[in-house]
Protein backbone atom coordinates (compact mmCIF):
# COMPACT_ATOMS: atom_id res chain seq x y z
CA MET A 1 -106.60 6.74 -68.31
CA ASN A 2 -109.80 6.60 -68.04
CA ARG A 3 -112.80 5.15 -70.15
CA GLY A 4 -116.09 8.27 -70.77
CA ALA A 5 -119.22 6.74 -70.87
CA HIS A 6 -119.57 8.29 -74.53
CA ALA A 7 -119.68 5.87 -77.25
CA PHE A 8 -117.34 6.19 -79.73
CA LYS A 9 -116.88 4.81 -83.40
CA SER A 10 -113.74 5.13 -85.01
CA VAL A 11 -112.42 4.82 -89.13
CA ASP A 12 -109.24 3.20 -90.27
CA ILE A 13 -106.45 6.04 -91.06
CA SER A 14 -105.97 4.98 -94.31
CA ASP A 15 -109.63 5.51 -95.67
CA THR A 16 -109.10 8.86 -95.43
CA ASP A 17 -107.23 9.27 -98.69
CA ASN A 18 -108.23 9.44 -102.86
CA SER A 19 -107.01 9.04 -106.13
CA THR A 20 -106.69 13.47 -105.98
CA LEU A 21 -104.49 13.06 -103.51
CA SER A 22 -102.54 10.16 -103.86
CA PHE A 23 -102.16 12.24 -107.72
CA LEU A 24 -100.90 15.16 -106.24
CA TYR A 25 -97.98 13.61 -103.23
CA ASN A 26 -97.32 10.22 -105.33
CA THR A 27 -96.66 11.17 -108.74
CA VAL A 28 -94.16 13.86 -111.11
CA PRO A 29 -96.42 15.72 -112.84
CA GLY A 30 -98.60 15.79 -109.63
CA ARG A 31 -96.05 17.47 -107.24
CA ALA A 32 -94.97 20.10 -110.41
CA LEU A 33 -99.00 21.01 -110.22
CA LEU A 34 -98.93 20.89 -106.36
CA LYS A 35 -95.78 23.25 -106.24
CA ILE A 36 -98.19 25.79 -108.11
CA ILE A 37 -101.40 25.01 -105.88
CA VAL A 38 -100.32 25.15 -102.52
CA ARG A 39 -98.95 29.24 -103.14
CA PRO A 40 -100.80 31.36 -101.18
CA PRO A 41 -101.76 33.91 -104.24
CA VAL A 42 -103.91 30.63 -105.52
CA SER A 43 -105.01 29.84 -102.31
CA LYS A 44 -106.18 33.54 -102.18
CA LEU A 45 -107.73 32.54 -105.57
CA SER A 46 -109.44 30.02 -104.50
CA GLY A 47 -111.11 31.63 -101.52
CA SER A 48 -112.30 34.84 -103.56
CA ILE A 49 -114.02 32.61 -105.57
CA LEU A 50 -115.56 30.17 -102.82
CA LYS A 51 -117.08 33.92 -101.15
CA SER A 52 -119.22 34.97 -104.92
CA PRO A 53 -122.05 34.86 -105.08
CA ALA A 54 -122.25 32.16 -108.59
CA SER A 55 -120.11 29.43 -106.38
CA ARG A 56 -124.09 28.80 -104.32
CA VAL A 57 -124.18 26.65 -106.89
CA LEU A 58 -122.00 24.23 -105.32
CA ILE A 59 -123.95 23.74 -102.06
CA LYS A 60 -126.65 20.90 -102.79
CA GLY A 61 -123.53 19.01 -104.44
CA PHE A 62 -121.58 19.14 -101.21
CA ILE A 63 -124.15 18.33 -99.22
CA ARG A 64 -125.78 15.16 -101.04
CA ARG A 65 -121.51 14.02 -101.57
CA ASN A 66 -120.89 14.98 -98.21
CA SER A 67 -123.55 13.23 -96.36
CA ILE A 68 -124.58 16.68 -94.40
CA ASP A 69 -127.52 16.60 -91.64
CA MET A 70 -129.01 20.41 -92.41
CA GLU A 71 -131.18 19.71 -89.78
CA GLU A 72 -128.65 20.76 -87.15
CA TYR A 73 -128.16 24.31 -88.41
CA ARG A 74 -129.30 27.69 -88.70
CA SER A 75 -131.79 28.10 -91.34
CA ALA A 76 -130.32 30.13 -93.59
CA ARG A 77 -129.80 32.09 -97.41
CA PHE A 78 -126.39 31.34 -98.04
CA ASN A 79 -124.87 34.17 -99.80
CA SER A 80 -121.65 31.84 -100.94
CA PHE A 81 -120.54 28.65 -100.90
CA ASN A 82 -118.36 30.30 -98.30
CA ASP A 83 -120.98 31.26 -96.53
CA PHE A 84 -122.45 27.63 -96.65
CA PHE A 85 -119.05 26.57 -95.27
CA ILE A 86 -119.21 28.42 -91.71
CA ARG A 87 -122.77 28.05 -91.12
CA GLU A 88 -123.44 28.23 -87.65
CA ILE A 89 -125.25 25.16 -85.08
CA LYS A 90 -128.50 25.56 -84.11
CA GLU A 91 -127.77 26.15 -79.85
CA GLY A 92 -127.76 23.37 -77.53
CA SER A 93 -126.33 20.63 -80.00
CA ARG A 94 -123.11 20.49 -79.03
CA PRO A 95 -123.14 21.11 -75.38
CA PHE A 96 -119.85 20.60 -73.38
CA PRO A 97 -119.88 18.30 -70.36
CA ASP A 98 -121.84 19.30 -66.99
CA LYS A 99 -118.53 18.73 -64.85
CA GLU A 100 -116.09 21.15 -65.11
CA ASN A 101 -113.58 17.90 -64.98
CA ASP A 102 -114.26 16.83 -68.40
CA VAL A 103 -111.82 17.55 -70.86
CA ALA A 104 -114.19 18.26 -73.86
CA ALA A 105 -113.23 18.27 -77.71
CA PRO A 106 -113.09 21.99 -78.78
CA CYS A 107 -114.70 20.43 -82.46
CA ASP A 108 -115.59 17.68 -84.38
CA GLY A 109 -113.32 16.20 -86.22
CA LYS A 110 -111.37 12.88 -86.43
CA LEU A 111 -109.11 12.63 -83.36
CA THR A 112 -105.72 10.51 -82.36
CA VAL A 113 -103.10 11.26 -79.35
CA TYR A 114 -99.88 11.30 -78.79
CA PRO A 115 -97.75 11.61 -75.54
CA VAL A 116 -94.88 14.23 -75.72
CA THR A 117 -91.64 12.54 -75.97
CA PRO A 118 -88.37 14.56 -73.27
CA ASP A 119 -87.31 16.30 -76.41
CA SER A 120 -90.62 16.93 -77.68
CA VAL A 121 -90.85 14.70 -80.91
CA PHE A 122 -94.18 13.58 -81.56
CA CYS A 123 -95.40 10.66 -84.26
CA ILE A 124 -98.05 11.37 -86.91
CA LYS A 125 -98.96 8.53 -89.62
CA ARG A 126 -94.43 7.69 -90.00
CA SER A 127 -93.76 10.89 -89.89
CA LYS A 128 -91.94 13.20 -86.61
CA TYR A 129 -92.79 16.28 -86.13
CA SER A 130 -90.49 18.26 -83.46
CA LEU A 131 -93.47 20.26 -81.01
CA CYS A 132 -90.31 23.57 -81.38
CA ASP A 133 -90.90 23.21 -85.13
CA LEU A 134 -94.60 23.08 -85.28
CA LEU A 135 -94.55 26.33 -82.13
CA GLN A 136 -91.33 28.30 -83.08
CA ASP A 137 -90.32 28.06 -79.99
CA ARG A 138 -87.69 26.26 -78.13
CA GLU A 139 -88.77 27.56 -74.55
CA LEU A 140 -92.33 27.14 -74.58
CA ALA A 141 -92.44 23.25 -76.38
CA ASP A 142 -89.97 22.67 -73.51
CA GLU A 143 -93.05 23.63 -71.24
CA PHE A 144 -94.98 20.29 -72.60
CA SER A 145 -92.23 18.09 -72.67
CA ASP A 146 -94.03 14.59 -71.17
CA GLY A 147 -97.24 16.27 -71.68
CA VAL A 148 -100.08 15.09 -74.51
CA CYS A 149 -100.78 15.98 -78.00
CA LEU A 150 -103.89 15.32 -79.62
CA ILE A 151 -104.91 15.99 -82.82
CA PHE A 152 -107.92 16.99 -84.69
CA ARG A 153 -108.75 16.52 -88.66
CA LEU A 154 -111.36 18.35 -89.25
CA THR A 155 -113.31 16.55 -92.76
CA PRO A 156 -115.62 18.58 -95.16
CA ASP A 157 -118.68 16.90 -93.24
CA ASP A 158 -117.59 18.60 -89.97
CA TYR A 159 -118.75 21.70 -88.23
CA HIS A 160 -115.85 23.61 -89.11
CA ARG A 161 -116.14 26.10 -85.70
CA TYR A 162 -114.21 25.53 -82.72
CA SER A 163 -114.42 26.20 -78.81
CA CYS A 164 -112.30 26.94 -76.19
CA ILE A 165 -112.71 23.97 -73.71
CA ASP A 166 -111.81 25.89 -70.03
CA ASP A 167 -112.52 29.38 -68.42
CA GLY A 168 -109.56 31.07 -68.31
CA GLU A 169 -107.23 33.78 -69.85
CA VAL A 170 -105.35 34.10 -72.39
CA LEU A 171 -101.46 34.47 -72.46
CA GLN A 172 -99.88 34.84 -76.14
CA ARG A 173 -100.60 34.33 -79.60
CA LYS A 174 -98.70 33.90 -82.73
CA ARG A 175 -99.47 33.66 -86.19
CA ILE A 176 -96.81 31.23 -88.57
CA ASP A 177 -97.47 31.97 -92.04
CA GLY A 178 -96.51 28.85 -94.35
CA ILE A 179 -96.99 26.77 -97.45
CA LEU A 180 -100.07 25.14 -97.45
CA HIS A 181 -100.21 21.48 -97.68
CA THR A 182 -103.22 19.51 -97.07
CA VAL A 183 -102.69 18.20 -93.39
CA ARG A 184 -104.28 14.39 -95.07
CA PRO A 185 -102.58 11.16 -94.33
CA VAL A 186 -101.14 10.74 -97.43
CA ALA A 187 -99.51 13.28 -97.27
CA TYR A 188 -96.95 12.69 -94.44
CA GLN A 189 -95.24 10.11 -96.46
CA ARG A 190 -93.16 13.39 -98.31
CA TYR A 191 -93.92 16.16 -96.29
CA SER A 192 -93.57 17.77 -93.03
CA VAL A 193 -96.92 18.94 -93.31
CA PHE A 194 -97.23 21.05 -89.60
CA CYS A 195 -94.14 22.65 -90.29
CA GLN A 196 -95.35 23.42 -93.57
CA ASN A 197 -98.67 24.74 -93.35
CA SER A 198 -100.12 28.23 -92.49
CA ARG A 199 -101.07 27.82 -88.81
CA GLU A 200 -101.68 29.77 -85.49
CA TYR A 201 -101.64 28.53 -82.34
CA THR A 202 -102.62 30.62 -78.41
CA VAL A 203 -101.31 29.95 -75.15
CA MET A 204 -104.30 29.87 -72.45
CA ARG A 205 -103.97 29.71 -68.45
CA THR A 206 -107.23 27.40 -67.41
CA ALA A 207 -108.91 27.12 -64.63
CA ASN A 208 -109.08 22.74 -64.55
CA PHE A 209 -106.00 21.92 -67.28
CA GLY A 210 -103.58 24.09 -66.09
CA LYS A 211 -101.72 25.88 -69.40
CA ILE A 212 -102.89 24.50 -73.00
CA ILE A 213 -101.92 25.41 -76.02
CA GLN A 214 -104.65 25.33 -78.80
CA VAL A 215 -102.58 25.01 -82.68
CA GLU A 216 -104.97 25.95 -85.42
CA VAL A 217 -104.01 24.51 -88.78
CA GLY A 218 -104.76 25.86 -92.26
CA ALA A 219 -104.61 23.26 -95.50
CA LEU A 220 -104.48 22.89 -98.98
CA PHE A 221 -106.53 26.21 -100.11
CA ALA A 222 -108.25 26.54 -96.37
CA GLY A 223 -105.26 29.11 -95.30
CA ARG A 224 -107.93 31.50 -93.21
CA ILE A 225 -107.97 31.08 -90.02
CA THR A 226 -110.28 33.63 -87.87
CA ASN A 227 -109.41 33.38 -84.24
CA HIS A 228 -111.90 36.08 -82.77
CA ASN A 229 -110.09 37.12 -78.61
CA HIS A 230 -106.55 37.87 -78.75
CA SER A 231 -106.16 39.05 -75.13
CA GLY A 232 -108.23 38.44 -71.99
CA ALA A 233 -111.08 36.12 -70.58
CA ILE A 234 -111.89 33.11 -72.42
CA LYS A 235 -115.22 31.23 -71.14
CA ARG A 236 -115.66 27.54 -71.14
CA GLY A 237 -117.72 26.83 -74.64
CA ASP A 238 -117.58 29.99 -76.16
CA GLU A 239 -116.54 30.39 -79.60
CA LYS A 240 -112.47 30.42 -80.11
CA GLY A 241 -112.77 30.91 -84.22
CA MET A 242 -113.85 28.85 -87.57
CA PHE A 243 -111.67 27.85 -90.81
CA GLN A 244 -112.60 28.91 -94.10
CA PHE A 245 -113.57 26.39 -96.95
CA GLY A 246 -111.16 22.90 -96.77
CA GLY A 247 -109.85 20.10 -94.73
CA SER A 248 -108.20 21.38 -91.64
CA THR A 249 -106.73 20.47 -88.28
CA VAL A 250 -106.98 21.52 -84.39
CA ILE A 251 -103.75 20.29 -82.39
CA MET A 252 -104.21 20.49 -78.26
CA LEU A 253 -101.50 20.30 -75.98
CA PHE A 254 -101.15 19.91 -72.73
CA GLN A 255 -98.72 19.53 -69.86
CA LYS A 256 -97.80 16.13 -67.61
CA ASP A 257 -100.29 15.03 -65.66
CA ARG A 258 -102.44 17.90 -66.58
CA VAL A 259 -104.87 15.66 -68.40
CA SER A 260 -106.47 11.60 -68.33
CA ILE A 261 -107.55 10.49 -71.96
CA ASP A 262 -109.81 8.52 -72.35
CA GLU A 263 -109.34 4.79 -73.09
CA THR A 264 -110.85 4.12 -76.51
CA ILE A 265 -109.32 6.51 -77.72
CA ILE A 266 -105.97 5.34 -77.32
CA GLU A 267 -106.38 2.26 -78.32
CA ASN A 268 -107.95 3.46 -81.97
CA THR A 269 -104.90 5.72 -81.69
CA LEU A 270 -102.41 2.40 -81.44
CA GLN A 271 -104.22 0.61 -83.68
CA ASN A 272 -103.81 2.88 -86.90
CA LYS A 273 -107.51 4.28 -86.23
CA GLU A 274 -109.37 7.86 -86.16
CA THR A 275 -112.54 8.10 -83.16
CA ILE A 276 -115.11 10.92 -84.42
CA VAL A 277 -115.74 13.50 -81.79
CA ARG A 278 -117.43 16.15 -82.14
CA MET A 279 -117.70 19.35 -80.33
CA GLY A 280 -118.22 19.35 -76.53
CA ASN A 281 -117.32 15.51 -76.75
CA LYS A 282 -115.81 14.08 -73.57
CA ILE A 283 -112.64 12.72 -74.47
CA GLY A 284 -111.02 13.13 -70.95
CA GLU A 285 -111.19 14.47 -67.33
CA LYS A 286 -108.84 16.41 -64.46
CA PRO A 287 -106.76 13.41 -63.07
CA ILE A 288 -107.32 12.60 -59.34
CA ARG A 289 -105.04 13.92 -57.42
CA GLU A 290 -104.25 12.17 -53.96
CA GLU A 291 -104.28 13.85 -50.66
CA ARG A 292 -101.08 13.75 -48.37
CA LEU A 293 -101.53 12.92 -45.31
CA PRO A 294 -99.83 15.99 -42.53
């Protein structure tokens, strides 16, 4: 493992829960309401409202409540709240590391890291998730046994576009429809969250990190995941796609011995903390392999 030069900040995972989610997941009336609002038709209706011109009245309050620094973003007149939500960052605001061996964060988010066990099960906040359930592909899941799983939880203050972390090519892409549940930690107590959410994953062969998988997970009222390239070549730092409104999650899977993750991120995870990262931050590196002399 390594410790990079970036000074990371962290947040307790328990600090991310709120009273609304506690009501929805921890009370009988809340769970009855949850069964209704997580259905795709309700999510689509919510999406339509947030794309309407009338939704622009929500923008100023959202910026204030989430302390969003709009100086980072391209100035524009937003046609709807969703138009604001998928706003673009100014060029150069999320630079990637100069060294191609450095692992960069594909997005803004709150990051935790977990080892992938030999039987392809990893733990997230009091619940266990099978890679086979996540990917719905046992053979593919087995390829990542003993590898590393990185989980980036995006919150409303984050930039909701994500990028490719290395040059390479797309090998496979799959979309899995599901019931939309929140990806926030309070939900872990009652639901196998990622197995029930709509999600889309891309298998890529990269120049520096071998075969990797990037999974985008839709959350409550955020079922739409928009990926740009469905095949062909990818380039380090190029935008891969975006989420529509709502908190969402990006998961990165690396095979065994392909990456060495920053010790601070590992230590924070062990202490039940998430590490705050931005797209392009160095979060690890490609291990140096010693050459054997003949």
